[in-house]
C-alpha atoms as a PDB file:
ATOM      1  CA  MET A   1      65.437  76.646  94.972  1.00  0.00           C
ATOM      2  CA  ASP A   2      65.734  79.706  92.726  1.00  0.00           C
ATOM      3  CA  ASN A   3      62.992  81.422  94.708  1.00  0.00           C
ATOM      4  CA  LEU A   4      65.069  81.084  97.867  1.00  0.00           C
ATOM      5  CA  ILE A   5      68.028  82.977  96.460  1.00  0.00           C
ATOM      6  CA  MET A   6      68.351  86.317  98.210  1.00  0.00           C
ATOM      7  CA  LYS A   7      68.170  89.379  96.006  1.00  0.00           C
ATOM      8  CA  LYS A   8      71.245  91.558  96.109  1.00  0.00           C
ATOM      9  CA  ILE A   9      70.955  94.859  97.923  1.00  0.00           C
ATOM     10  CA  ARG A  10      71.172  97.653  95.375  1.00  0.00           C
ATOM     11  CA  ILE A  11      73.578 100.333  96.583  1.00  0.00           C
ATOM     12  CA  ALA A  12      73.997 103.857  95.234  1.00  0.00           C
ATOM     13  CA  PHE A  13      77.410 105.000  96.424  1.00  0.00           C
ATOM     14  CA  ILE A  14      77.611 108.778  95.952  1.00  0.00           C
ATOM     15  CA  TYR A  15      80.838 110.692  96.404  1.00  0.00           C
ATOM     16  CA  LYS A  16      82.810 113.624  95.074  1.00  0.00           C
ATOM     17  CA  LYS A  17      85.407 112.901  92.410  1.00  0.00           C
ATOM     18  CA  SER A  18      87.760 115.183  94.311  1.00  0.00           C
ATOM     19  CA  TYR A  19      87.517 113.254  97.602  1.00  0.00           C
ATOM     20  CA  VAL A  20      91.143 112.300  98.127  1.00  0.00           C
ATOM     21  CA  PHE A  21      90.456 109.277 100.338  1.00  0.00           C
ATOM     22  CA  LEU A  22      88.774 107.570  97.376  1.00  0.00           C
ATOM     23  CA  SER A  23      91.428 108.467  94.821  1.00  0.00           C
ATOM     24  CA  GLY A  24      93.598 105.409  95.402  1.00  0.00           C
ATOM     25  CA  LYS A  25      96.560 107.770  95.603  1.00  0.00           C
ATOM     26  CA  HIS A  26      96.265 109.022  99.171  1.00  0.00           C
ATOM     27  CA  PHE A  27      98.916 108.077 101.727  1.00  0.00           C
ATOM     28  CA  ASP A  28      96.155 106.168 103.550  1.00  0.00           C
ATOM     29  CA  ASN A  29      94.285 103.855 101.181  1.00  0.00           C
ATOM     30  CA  THR A  30      92.223 101.981 103.752  1.00  0.00           C
ATOM     31  CA  THR A  31      88.960 103.805 103.023  1.00  0.00           C
ATOM     32  CA  TYR A  32      89.557 103.388  99.291  1.00  0.00           C
ATOM     33  CA  HIS A  33      90.009  99.626  99.517  1.00  0.00           C
ATOM     34  CA  PHE A  34      86.888  99.168 101.599  1.00  0.00           C
ATOM     35  CA  PHE A  35      84.536 101.138  99.375  1.00  0.00           C
ATOM     36  CA  MET A  36      86.127 100.525  95.986  1.00  0.00           C
ATOM     37  CA  ASN A  37      87.236  96.905  96.316  1.00  0.00           C
ATOM     38  CA  ALA A  38      85.688  95.059  99.249  1.00  0.00           C
ATOM     39  CA  LEU A  39      82.082  96.068  98.561  1.00  0.00           C
ATOM     40  CA  LYS A  40      82.388  94.773  94.994  1.00  0.00           C
ATOM     41  CA  ARG A  41      83.443  91.355  96.270  1.00  0.00           C
ATOM     42  CA  SER A  42      80.273  90.837  98.291  1.00  0.00           C
ATOM     43  CA  ASN A  43      77.739  88.428  96.835  1.00  0.00           C
ATOM     44  CA  SER A  44      75.050  90.300  98.765  1.00  0.00           C
ATOM     45  CA  LEU A  45      75.606  93.710  97.188  1.00  0.00           C
ATOM     46  CA  ASP A  46      75.102  95.289  93.795  1.00  0.00           C
ATOM     47  CA  VAL A  47      77.038  98.558  94.021  1.00  0.00           C
ATOM     48  CA  THR A  48      76.706 101.387  91.522  1.00  0.00           C
ATOM     49  CA  TYR A  49      79.278 104.148  91.878  1.00  0.00           C
ATOM     50  CA  PHE A  50      78.301 107.768  91.305  1.00  0.00           C
ATOM     51  CA  PRO A  51      81.463 109.906  91.247  1.00  0.00           C
ATOM     52  CA  SER A  52      80.209 113.476  90.991  1.00  0.00           C
ATOM     53  CA  ASP A  53      81.434 117.029  90.813  1.00  0.00           C
ATOM     54  CA  ASN A  54      79.478 119.401  93.029  1.00  0.00           C
ATOM     55  CA  ILE A  55      75.842 118.408  92.462  1.00  0.00           C
ATOM     56  CA  PHE A  56      73.944 115.115  92.316  1.00  0.00           C
ATOM     57  CA  ASP A  57      70.184 114.753  91.760  1.00  0.00           C
ATOM     58  CA  VAL A  58      68.879 111.932  93.944  1.00  0.00           C
ATOM     59  CA  LYS A  59      65.434 111.784  92.334  1.00  0.00           C
ATOM     60  CA  ASN A  60      66.974 109.653  89.586  1.00  0.00           C
ATOM     61  CA  LEU A  61      67.581 106.899  92.160  1.00  0.00           C
ATOM     62  CA  LYS A  62      63.942 106.321  93.119  1.00  0.00           C
ATOM     63  CA  GLY A  63      62.817 102.757  92.510  1.00  0.00           C
ATOM     64  CA  LYS A  64      66.275 101.678  91.389  1.00  0.00           C
ATOM     65  CA  PHE A  65      68.170 101.410  94.685  1.00  0.00           C
ATOM     66  CA  ASP A  66      67.623 100.091  98.188  1.00  0.00           C
ATOM     67  CA  ILE A  67      70.331 102.058 100.017  1.00  0.00           C
ATOM     68  CA  ILE A  68      72.216 105.314  99.517  1.00  0.00           C
ATOM     69  CA  LEU A  69      75.761 105.010 100.844  1.00  0.00           C
ATOM     70  CA  LEU A  70      77.945 108.046 101.597  1.00  0.00           C
ATOM     71  CA  PRO A  71      81.698 108.050 102.388  1.00  0.00           C
ATOM     72  CA  ASP A  72      81.572 110.827 105.011  1.00  0.00           C
ATOM     73  CA  ASN A  73      79.117 113.240 106.571  1.00  0.00           C
ATOM     74  CA  HIS A  74      80.692 116.346 105.121  1.00  0.00           C
ATOM     75  CA  SER A  75      80.567 118.302 101.868  1.00  0.00           C
ATOM     76  CA  VAL A  76      84.258 117.613 101.216  1.00  0.00           C
ATOM     77  CA  ALA A  77      83.250 114.033 100.398  1.00  0.00           C
ATOM     78  CA  VAL A  78      79.656 114.330  99.191  1.00  0.00           C
ATOM     79  CA  PRO A  79      78.206 116.617  96.502  1.00  0.00           C
ATOM     80  CA  GLU A  80      75.144 118.739  97.106  1.00  0.00           C
ATOM     81  CA  LEU A  81      72.247 116.285  96.967  1.00  0.00           C
ATOM     82  CA  ILE A  82      69.419 117.858  95.007  1.00  0.00           C
ATOM     83  CA  GLY A  83      65.984 116.574  96.026  1.00  0.00           C
ATOM     84  CA  ILE A  84      67.232 114.931  99.209  1.00  0.00           C
ATOM     85  CA  LYS A  85      64.298 116.312 101.224  1.00  0.00           C
ATOM     86  CA  ASN A  86      61.930 114.155  99.162  1.00  0.00           C
ATOM     87  CA  ASN A  87      64.129 111.069  99.319  1.00  0.00           C
ATOM     88  CA  SER A  88      62.670 107.860 100.778  1.00  0.00           C
ATOM     89  CA  ILE A  89      65.720 105.612 100.322  1.00  0.00           C
ATOM     90  CA  PRO A  90      67.568 104.839 103.588  1.00  0.00           C
ATOM     91  CA  ILE A  91      70.932 106.602 103.886  1.00  0.00           C
ATOM     92  CA  ILE A  92      73.983 105.056 105.541  1.00  0.00           C
ATOM     93  CA  CYS A  93      77.080 107.156 106.080  1.00  0.00           C
ATOM     94  CA  ARG A  94      80.619 106.478 107.218  1.00  0.00           C
ATOM     95  CA  ILE A  95      82.011 109.063 109.622  1.00  0.00           C
ATOM     96  CA  GLY A  96      85.528 110.346 110.136  1.00  0.00           C
ATOM     97  CA  ASP A  97      86.990 111.185 113.540  1.00  0.00           C
ATOM     98  CA  PRO A  98      84.029 111.818 115.884  1.00  0.00           C
ATOM     99  CA  HIS A  99      85.847 114.595 117.750  1.00  0.00           C
ATOM    100  CA  ASN A 100      85.670 116.740 114.595  1.00  0.00           C
ATOM    101  CA  ALA A 101      81.871 116.688 114.531  1.00  0.00           C
ATOM    102  CA  LYS A 102      81.367 120.128 116.050  1.00  0.00           C
ATOM    103  CA  SER A 103      84.208 121.962 114.303  1.00  0.00           C
ATOM    104  CA  MET A 104      83.122 120.583 110.916  1.00  0.00           C
ATOM    105  CA  ASN A 105      79.423 121.299 111.528  1.00  0.00           C
ATOM    106  CA  LYS A 106      78.435 117.670 111.049  1.00  0.00           C
ATOM    107  CA  HIS A 107      75.361 117.818 113.266  1.00  0.00           C
ATOM    108  CA  ASN A 108      73.685 120.207 110.824  1.00  0.00           C
ATOM    109  CA  TYR A 109      74.644 117.929 107.950  1.00  0.00           C
ATOM    110  CA  HIS A 110      72.618 115.190 109.614  1.00  0.00           C
ATOM    111  CA  GLU A 111      69.476 117.307 109.434  1.00  0.00           C
ATOM    112  CA  GLU A 112      70.144 118.495 105.896  1.00  0.00           C
ATOM    113  CA  ILE A 113      70.651 115.017 104.472  1.00  0.00           C
ATOM    114  CA  GLY A 114      68.445 112.911 106.725  1.00  0.00           C
ATOM    115  CA  ILE A 115      71.010 110.218 107.504  1.00  0.00           C
ATOM    116  CA  ASP A 116      69.515 107.020 108.930  1.00  0.00           C
ATOM    117  CA  TYR A 117      72.633 105.282 110.205  1.00  0.00           C
ATOM    118  CA  TYR A 118      76.329 105.960 110.734  1.00  0.00           C
ATOM    119  CA  PHE A 119      79.275 103.603 110.946  1.00  0.00           C
ATOM    120  CA  ASN A 120      83.001 103.630 111.555  1.00  0.00           C
ATOM    121  CA  PHE A 121      85.556 101.504 113.408  1.00  0.00           C
ATOM    122  CA  THR A 122      85.461 103.583 116.609  1.00  0.00           C
ATOM    123  CA  HIS A 123      83.632 102.272 119.667  1.00  0.00           C
ATOM    124  CA  LYS A 124      80.076 103.540 120.084  1.00  0.00           C
ATOM    125  CA  ASP A 125      80.982 105.256 123.372  1.00  0.00           C
ATOM    126  CA  TYR A 126      83.407 107.538 121.550  1.00  0.00           C
ATOM    127  CA  PHE A 127      80.847 108.270 118.841  1.00  0.00           C
ATOM    128  CA  TYR A 128      78.197 109.299 121.373  1.00  0.00           C
ATOM    129  CA  LYS A 129      80.647 111.508 123.195  1.00  0.00           C
ATOM    130  CA  TYR A 130      80.384 113.889 120.227  1.00  0.00           C
ATOM    131  CA  TYR A 131      77.052 112.997 118.580  1.00  0.00           C
ATOM    132  CA  PRO A 132      73.484 113.098 119.952  1.00  0.00           C
ATOM    133  CA  SER A 133      72.122 109.922 121.519  1.00  0.00           C
ATOM    134  CA  ASN A 134      69.299 109.700 118.959  1.00  0.00           C
ATOM    135  CA  PHE A 135      71.759 109.266 116.065  1.00  0.00           C
ATOM    136  CA  ARG A 136      72.033 105.590 115.156  1.00  0.00           C
ATOM    137  CA  TYR A 137      75.550 104.161 114.948  1.00  0.00           C
ATOM    138  CA  LYS A 138      77.264 100.806 114.398  1.00  0.00           C
ATOM    139  CA  THR A 139      80.910  99.915 114.940  1.00  0.00           C
ATOM    140  CA  ILE A 140      82.297  98.271 111.793  1.00  0.00           C
ATOM    141  CA  ILE A 141      86.021  97.520 111.770  1.00  0.00           C
ATOM    142  CA  PHE A 142      87.102  98.086 108.174  1.00  0.00           C
ATOM    143  CA  GLY A 143      90.273  98.950 106.282  1.00  0.00           C
ATOM    144  CA  LEU A 144      92.336  95.755 106.193  1.00  0.00           C
ATOM    145  CA  GLU A 145      92.956  94.180 102.773  1.00  0.00           C
ATOM    146  CA  PRO A 146      94.643  90.799 103.402  1.00  0.00           C
ATOM    147  CA  ILE A 147      96.199  90.652  99.928  1.00  0.00           C
ATOM    148  CA  LEU A 148      98.500  93.537 100.886  1.00  0.00           C
ATOM    149  CA  TYR A 149      99.932  91.445 103.718  1.00  0.00           C
ATOM    150  CA  GLU A 150     101.079  88.503 101.639  1.00  0.00           C
ATOM    151  CA  ASN A 151     104.719  87.643 100.857  1.00  0.00           C
ATOM    152  CA  LEU A 152     106.179  89.862 103.577  1.00  0.00           C
ATOM    153  CA  THR A 153     109.614  89.378 105.136  1.00  0.00           C
ATOM    154  CA  PRO A 154     109.514  86.413 107.560  1.00  0.00           C
ATOM    155  CA  TYR A 155     109.737  87.223 111.261  1.00  0.00           C
ATOM    156  CA  LYS A 156     113.096  85.458 111.600  1.00  0.00           C
ATOM    157  CA  ASP A 157     114.691  87.782 109.037  1.00  0.00           C
ATOM    158  CA  ARG A 158     113.487  91.049 110.548  1.00  0.00           C
ATOM    159  CA  ILE A 159     115.197  93.637 112.740  1.00  0.00           C
ATOM    160  CA  LYS A 160     114.774  92.396 116.308  1.00  0.00           C
ATOM    161  CA  ASN A 161     116.878  94.679 118.504  1.00  0.00           C
ATOM    162  CA  ARG A 162     114.883  97.790 117.596  1.00  0.00           C
ATOM    163  CA  ILE A 163     111.156  98.539 117.895  1.00  0.00           C
ATOM    164  CA  LEU A 164     109.282 100.418 115.175  1.00  0.00           C
ATOM    165  CA  ASN A 165     107.086 103.396 116.015  1.00  0.00           C
ATOM    166  CA  SER A 166     105.174 104.994 113.137  1.00  0.00           C
ATOM    167  CA  GLY A 167     102.512 107.605 112.476  1.00  0.00           C
ATOM    168  CA  ALA A 168     101.699 111.087 113.695  1.00  0.00           C
ATOM    169  CA  ILE A 169     103.083 112.310 117.010  1.00  0.00           C
ATOM    170  CA  GLY A 170     102.697 115.446 119.099  1.00  0.00           C
ATOM    171  CA  ASN A 171     105.133 118.129 120.129  1.00  0.00           C
ATOM    172  CA  ALA A 172     106.329 117.206 123.616  1.00  0.00           C
ATOM    173  CA  LYS A 173     107.593 120.702 124.477  1.00  0.00           C
ATOM    174  CA  ILE A 174     105.598 122.220 127.337  1.00  0.00           C
ATOM    175  CA  PHE A 175     104.914 125.567 125.625  1.00  0.00           C
ATOM    176  CA  SER A 176     103.661 123.832 122.484  1.00  0.00           C
ATOM    177  CA  ARG A 177     101.425 121.543 124.514  1.00  0.00           C
ATOM    178  CA  ILE A 178      99.836 124.511 126.298  1.00  0.00           C
ATOM    179  CA  ILE A 179      99.202 126.421 123.073  1.00  0.00           C
ATOM    180  CA  ASN A 180      97.760 123.385 121.295  1.00  0.00           C
ATOM    181  CA  SER A 181      95.489 122.585 124.229  1.00  0.00           C
ATOM    182  CA  ILE A 182      94.010 126.073 123.901  1.00  0.00           C
ATOM    183  CA  ARG A 183      93.794 126.191 120.112  1.00  0.00           C
ATOM    184  CA  ASN A 184      92.859 122.563 119.458  1.00  0.00           C
ATOM    185  CA  PRO A 185      91.321 121.023 122.577  1.00  0.00           C
ATOM    186  CA  ASP A 186      89.775 118.106 120.644  1.00  0.00           C
ATOM    187  CA  SER A 187      92.245 117.687 117.759  1.00  0.00           C
ATOM    188  CA  ASN A 188      95.485 117.938 119.666  1.00  0.00           C
ATOM    189  CA  ALA A 189      98.203 115.612 118.361  1.00  0.00           C
ATOM    190  CA  TYR A 190     100.007 115.326 121.683  1.00  0.00           C
ATOM    191  CA  LYS A 191      96.820 114.390 123.527  1.00  0.00           C
ATOM    192  CA  HIS A 192      95.749 111.874 120.881  1.00  0.00           C
ATOM    193  CA  TYR A 193      99.199 110.297 120.548  1.00  0.00           C
ATOM    194  CA  LYS A 194     100.689 110.882 123.992  1.00  0.00           C
ATOM    195  CA  LEU A 195     102.162 107.418 124.576  1.00  0.00           C
ATOM    196  CA  ARG A 196     103.296 107.143 120.957  1.00  0.00           C
ATOM    197  CA  THR A 197     105.127 110.449 121.421  1.00  0.00           C
ATOM    198  CA  MET A 198     106.656 109.286 124.707  1.00  0.00           C
ATOM    199  CA  CYS A 199     107.986 106.118 123.057  1.00  0.00           C
ATOM    200  CA  ASN A 200     110.109 108.223 120.713  1.00  0.00           C
ATOM    201  CA  GLN A 201     112.302 109.275 123.629  1.00  0.00           C
ATOM    202  CA  LEU A 202     113.620 105.733 124.024  1.00  0.00           C
ATOM    203  CA  PRO A 203     116.999 104.904 122.428  1.00  0.00           C
ATOM    204  CA  TYR A 204     115.888 101.559 120.981  1.00  0.00           C
ATOM    205  CA  VAL A 205     112.799 102.905 119.183  1.00  0.00           C
ATOM    206  CA  ASP A 206     112.993 103.703 115.458  1.00  0.00           C
ATOM    207  CA  TYR A 207     110.450 106.308 114.400  1.00  0.00           C
ATOM    208  CA  THR A 208     108.933 106.741 110.946  1.00  0.00           C
ATOM    209  CA  SER A 209     106.496 109.602 110.381  1.00  0.00           C
ATOM    210  CA  THR A 210     103.269 109.367 108.422  1.00  0.00           C
ATOM    211  CA  LEU A 211     104.550 110.875 105.179  1.00  0.00           C
ATOM    212  CA  GLU A 212     108.288 111.396 105.103  1.00  0.00           C
ATOM    213  CA  HIS A 213     109.240 108.016 103.676  1.00  0.00           C
ATOM    214  CA  GLU A 214     108.580 105.764 100.692  1.00  0.00           C
ATOM    215  CA  TYR A 215     106.231 103.398 102.524  1.00  0.00           C
ATOM    216  CA  VAL A 216     102.971 105.256 102.001  1.00  0.00           C
ATOM    217  CA  ASN A 217      99.809 104.113 100.299  1.00  0.00           C
ATOM    218  CA  ASP A 218      99.823 100.319  99.838  1.00  0.00           C
ATOM    219  CA  ARG A 219     103.501 100.041 100.755  1.00  0.00           C
ATOM    220  CA  TYR A 220     103.026 100.482 104.498  1.00  0.00           C
ATOM    221  CA  PRO A 221     103.083  96.702 105.156  1.00  0.00           C
ATOM    222  CA  LEU A 222     106.583  96.618 103.642  1.00  0.00           C
ATOM    223  CA  LEU A 223     107.798  99.048 106.287  1.00  0.00           C
ATOM    224  CA  LEU A 224     106.169  97.022 109.042  1.00  0.00           C
ATOM    225  CA  SER A 225     107.731  93.803 107.808  1.00  0.00           C
ATOM    226  CA  LYS A 226     111.224  95.188 108.324  1.00  0.00           C
ATOM    227  CA  TYR A 227     110.724  94.895 112.085  1.00  0.00           C
ATOM    228  CA  ALA A 228     109.853  92.011 114.374  1.00  0.00           C
ATOM    229  CA  ALA A 229     108.190  94.357 116.872  1.00  0.00           C
ATOM    230  CA  SER A 230     106.117  97.504 116.443  1.00  0.00           C
ATOM    231  CA  ILE A 231     104.098  99.946 118.548  1.00  0.00           C
ATOM    232  CA  VAL A 232     100.471 101.034 118.143  1.00  0.00           C
ATOM    233  CA  ALA A 233      99.368 103.687 120.601  1.00  0.00           C
ATOM    234  CA  THR A 234      96.457 106.126 120.566  1.00  0.00           C
ATOM    235  CA  THR A 235      94.988 107.777 123.632  1.00  0.00           C
ATOM    236  CA  TYR A 236      91.248 107.961 122.974  1.00  0.00           C
ATOM    237  CA  PHE A 237      90.354 105.311 120.390  1.00  0.00           C
ATOM    238  CA  PRO A 238      92.121 102.616 118.342  1.00  0.00           C
ATOM    239  CA  THR A 239      93.007 103.543 114.784  1.00  0.00           C
ATOM    240  CA  ILE A 240      93.484 101.315 111.747  1.00  0.00           C
ATOM    241  CA  ARG A 241      97.088 100.681 112.796  1.00  0.00           C
ATOM    242  CA  TYR A 242      95.669  98.411 115.487  1.00  0.00           C
ATOM    243  CA  TRP A 243      94.868  95.839 112.807  1.00  0.00           C
ATOM    244  CA  GLU A 244      97.454  96.791 110.175  1.00  0.00           C
ATOM    245  CA  VAL A 245     100.481  96.195 112.414  1.00  0.00           C
ATOM    246  CA  PRO A 246      99.475  92.743 113.718  1.00  0.00           C
ATOM    247  CA  ALA A 247      98.435  91.741 110.178  1.00  0.00           C
ATOM    248  CA  ALA A 248     102.018  92.371 109.051  1.00  0.00           C
ATOM    249  CA  GLY A 249     103.227  89.726 111.491  1.00  0.00           C
ATOM    250  CA  CYS A 250     104.753  92.115 114.009  1.00  0.00           C
ATOM    251  CA  LEU A 251     104.880  91.468 117.715  1.00  0.00           C
ATOM    252  CA  THR A 252     102.535  94.345 118.512  1.00  0.00           C
ATOM    253  CA  PHE A 253     102.944  96.494 121.599  1.00  0.00           C
ATOM    254  CA  MET A 254      99.402  97.798 121.803  1.00  0.00           C
ATOM    255  CA  GLU A 255      98.066 100.586 123.995  1.00  0.00           C
ATOM    256  CA  ILE A 256      94.887  99.183 125.525  1.00  0.00           C
ATOM    257  CA  THR A 257      93.361 101.198 128.363  1.00  0.00           C
ATOM    258  CA  GLU A 258      90.016 102.147 129.848  1.00  0.00           C
ATOM    259  CA  LYS A 259      90.420 105.539 128.198  1.00  0.00           C
ATOM    260  CA  ASN A 260      90.746 104.217 124.636  1.00  0.00           C
ATOM    261  CA  ASN A 261      88.309 101.340 125.231  1.00  0.00           C
ATOM    262  CA  GLY A 262      90.399  99.135 122.957  1.00  0.00           C
ATOM    263  CA  ARG A 263      89.296  95.767 124.288  1.00  0.00           C
ATOM    264  CA  TYR A 264      86.349  95.720 121.877  1.00  0.00           C
ATOM    265  CA  LEU A 265      88.811  94.781 119.131  1.00  0.00           C
ATOM    266  CA  GLY A 266      89.168  91.329 120.652  1.00  0.00           C
ATOM    267  CA  TYR A 267      92.933  91.096 121.159  1.00  0.00           C
ATOM    268  CA  LYS A 268      94.188  89.219 124.218  1.00  0.00           C
ATOM    269  CA  ASP A 269      97.181  90.332 126.246  1.00  0.00           C
ATOM    270  CA  GLU A 270     100.207  88.028 125.922  1.00  0.00           C
ATOM    271  CA  GLU A 271      98.304  85.951 123.341  1.00  0.00           C
ATOM    272  CA  THR A 272      97.703  88.123 120.269  1.00  0.00           C
ATOM    273  CA  ALA A 273      99.448  91.331 121.409  1.00  0.00           C
ATOM    274  CA  ILE A 274     101.371  92.849 124.308  1.00  0.00           C
ATOM    275  CA  PHE A 275      99.197  95.428 126.057  1.00  0.00           C
ATOM    276  CA  ILE A 276     100.975  98.593 127.163  1.00  0.00           C
ATOM    277  CA  ASN A 277     100.094 101.823 128.930  1.00  0.00           C
ATOM    278  CA  GLU A 278     101.890 104.919 130.184  1.00  0.00           C
ATOM    279  CA  LYS A 279     103.056 103.120 133.329  1.00  0.00           C
ATOM    280  CA  ASN A 280     104.341  99.810 131.983  1.00  0.00           C
ATOM    281  CA  TYR A 281     105.514 100.462 128.419  1.00  0.00           C
ATOM    282  CA  LYS A 282     109.220 100.647 129.226  1.00  0.00           C
ATOM    283  CA  SER A 283     109.244  97.416 131.214  1.00  0.00           C
ATOM    284  CA  LYS A 284     107.294  95.629 128.458  1.00  0.00           C
ATOM    285  CA  PHE A 285     109.774  96.773 125.814  1.00  0.00           C
ATOM    286  CA  GLU A 286     112.746  95.785 127.950  1.00  0.00           C
ATOM    287  CA  GLU A 287     111.313  92.338 128.657  1.00  0.00           C
ATOM    288  CA  TYR A 288     111.268  91.728 124.911  1.00  0.00           C
ATOM    289  CA  LEU A 289     114.663  93.284 124.152  1.00  0.00           C
ATOM    290  CA  GLU A 290     116.420  91.352 126.910  1.00  0.00           C
ATOM    291  CA  ASP A 291     115.178  88.043 125.505  1.00  0.00           C
ATOM    292  CA  ILE A 292     114.557  88.652 121.802  1.00  0.00           C
ATOM    293  CA  ASP A 293     115.042  85.017 120.776  1.00  0.00           C
ATOM    294  CA  ASN A 294     112.371  83.701 123.109  1.00  0.00           C
ATOM    295  CA  PRO A 295     109.962  81.709 120.884  1.00  0.00           C
ATOM    296  CA  LYS A 296     106.936  83.156 122.669  1.00  0.00           C
ATOM    297  CA  TRP A 297     107.362  86.442 120.798  1.00  0.00           C
ATOM    298  CA  LEU A 298     106.956  84.706 117.451  1.00  0.00           C
ATOM    299  CA  GLU A 299     103.960  82.786 118.780  1.00  0.00           C
ATOM    300  CA  ILE A 300     102.254  86.006 119.865  1.00  0.00           C
ATOM    301  CA  ALA A 301     103.107  87.720 116.566  1.00  0.00           C
ATOM    302  CA  ASN A 302     101.705  84.813 114.542  1.00  0.00           C
ATOM    303  CA  ALA A 303      98.551  84.650 116.647  1.00  0.00           C
ATOM    304  CA  GLY A 304      98.021  88.396 116.284  1.00  0.00           C
ATOM    305  CA  ARG A 305      98.506  88.176 112.533  1.00  0.00           C
ATOM    306  CA  GLN A 306      96.041  85.320 112.226  1.00  0.00           C
ATOM    307  CA  TYR A 307      93.456  87.123 114.339  1.00  0.00           C
ATOM    308  CA  ALA A 308      93.703  90.422 112.457  1.00  0.00           C
ATOM    309  CA  LEU A 309      93.606  88.840 109.005  1.00  0.00           C
ATOM    310  CA  SER A 310      90.712  86.507 109.791  1.00  0.00           C
ATOM    311  CA  GLU A 311      88.538  88.649 112.070  1.00  0.00           C
ATOM    312  CA  LEU A 312      89.272  92.301 111.233  1.00  0.00           C
ATOM    313  CA  ASN A 313      89.412  92.238 107.440  1.00  0.00           C
ATOM    314  CA  ASN A 314      87.367  94.165 104.888  1.00  0.00           C
ATOM    315  CA  ASP A 315      85.203  91.199 103.929  1.00  0.00           C
ATOM    316  CA  LYS A 316      84.104  90.748 107.540  1.00  0.00           C
ATOM    317  CA  ALA A 317      83.416  94.480 107.644  1.00  0.00           C
ATOM    318  CA  THR A 318      81.325  94.235 104.484  1.00  0.00           C
ATOM    319  CA  ASP A 319      79.267  91.423 106.007  1.00  0.00           C
ATOM    320  CA  SER A 320      78.620  93.631 109.030  1.00  0.00           C
ATOM    321  CA  LEU A 321      77.546  96.491 106.770  1.00  0.00           C
ATOM    322  CA  VAL A 322      75.224  94.148 104.873  1.00  0.00           C
ATOM    323  CA  GLU A 323      73.556  93.194 108.164  1.00  0.00           C
ATOM    324  CA  LEU A 324      72.985  96.874 108.876  1.00  0.00           C
ATOM    325  CA  MET A 325      71.490  97.436 105.436  1.00  0.00           C
ATOM    326  CA  GLN A 326      69.137  94.510 105.880  1.00  0.00           C
ATOM    327  CA  GLU A 327      67.775  96.160 109.020  1.00  0.00           C
ATOM    328  CA  LEU A 328      66.825  99.264 107.045  1.00  0.00           C
ATOM    329  CA  ILE A 329      65.191  97.814 103.937  1.00  0.00           C
END
């Protein structure tokens, strides 16, 4: 039987010490938990961490590792890799927002490093909108650590007559929208968070920004658990909030449209979330607020929580990454 035991995949995870998303102290710790905690838990992986300053010599990895793993395809996250042109170890790299590929010169980085495969939680259609079709990409939904969503305030004890809206928003003023569309056509906050911004105009919506509160880092679930209902809304692709908010047991009003292609996440309207768009969001909110004690809201919230925690967690993401690695070695 011992001969049938699969050998662990040996991973060299190379990153800059200064990369804030792996510090454990950033306002968004989702990337940190995936790379620094979840990968260690996998019985299929043997991860060696190489925190570096500005230079790392990859020739020292030859014969010792099966995969090189990088946290982002940019020099802000990865040191200069000496000897990379002679490297024969497959390279897998997480990406950030695909729409920043051109402005951050990430296409050239692909050629310099010789990356074999990319991954992130965005749908492949959004990736290939900004990257060449010959780049290989896999959607892996990571970022959710279930332990952070334990012992939260029960649904029955939460604020029910208000709806939480959180995260970045755009400036709704017409002049600002025009200027930002010219200066930042791809990274425009109003365009990316249009419905989220619109929701803030409603009198029954409580808004909390990304940073100006105490619930940053691993404390975000505590903010979510103050409310029975919460909004997640992004125009072009779902963000990590799409699994964080349901995981906290909130009745989640979720923007799902053809434009953001959010159905790939697997949520079902009126079963695990309430789907909203720019035409129906007010009526969906009002249906809830006019009948807040209806037991169906709790049923949907519980089903959404169960789905997010069981299907969209970091361990599932790690398994998906392992499958990708096995294809390359």
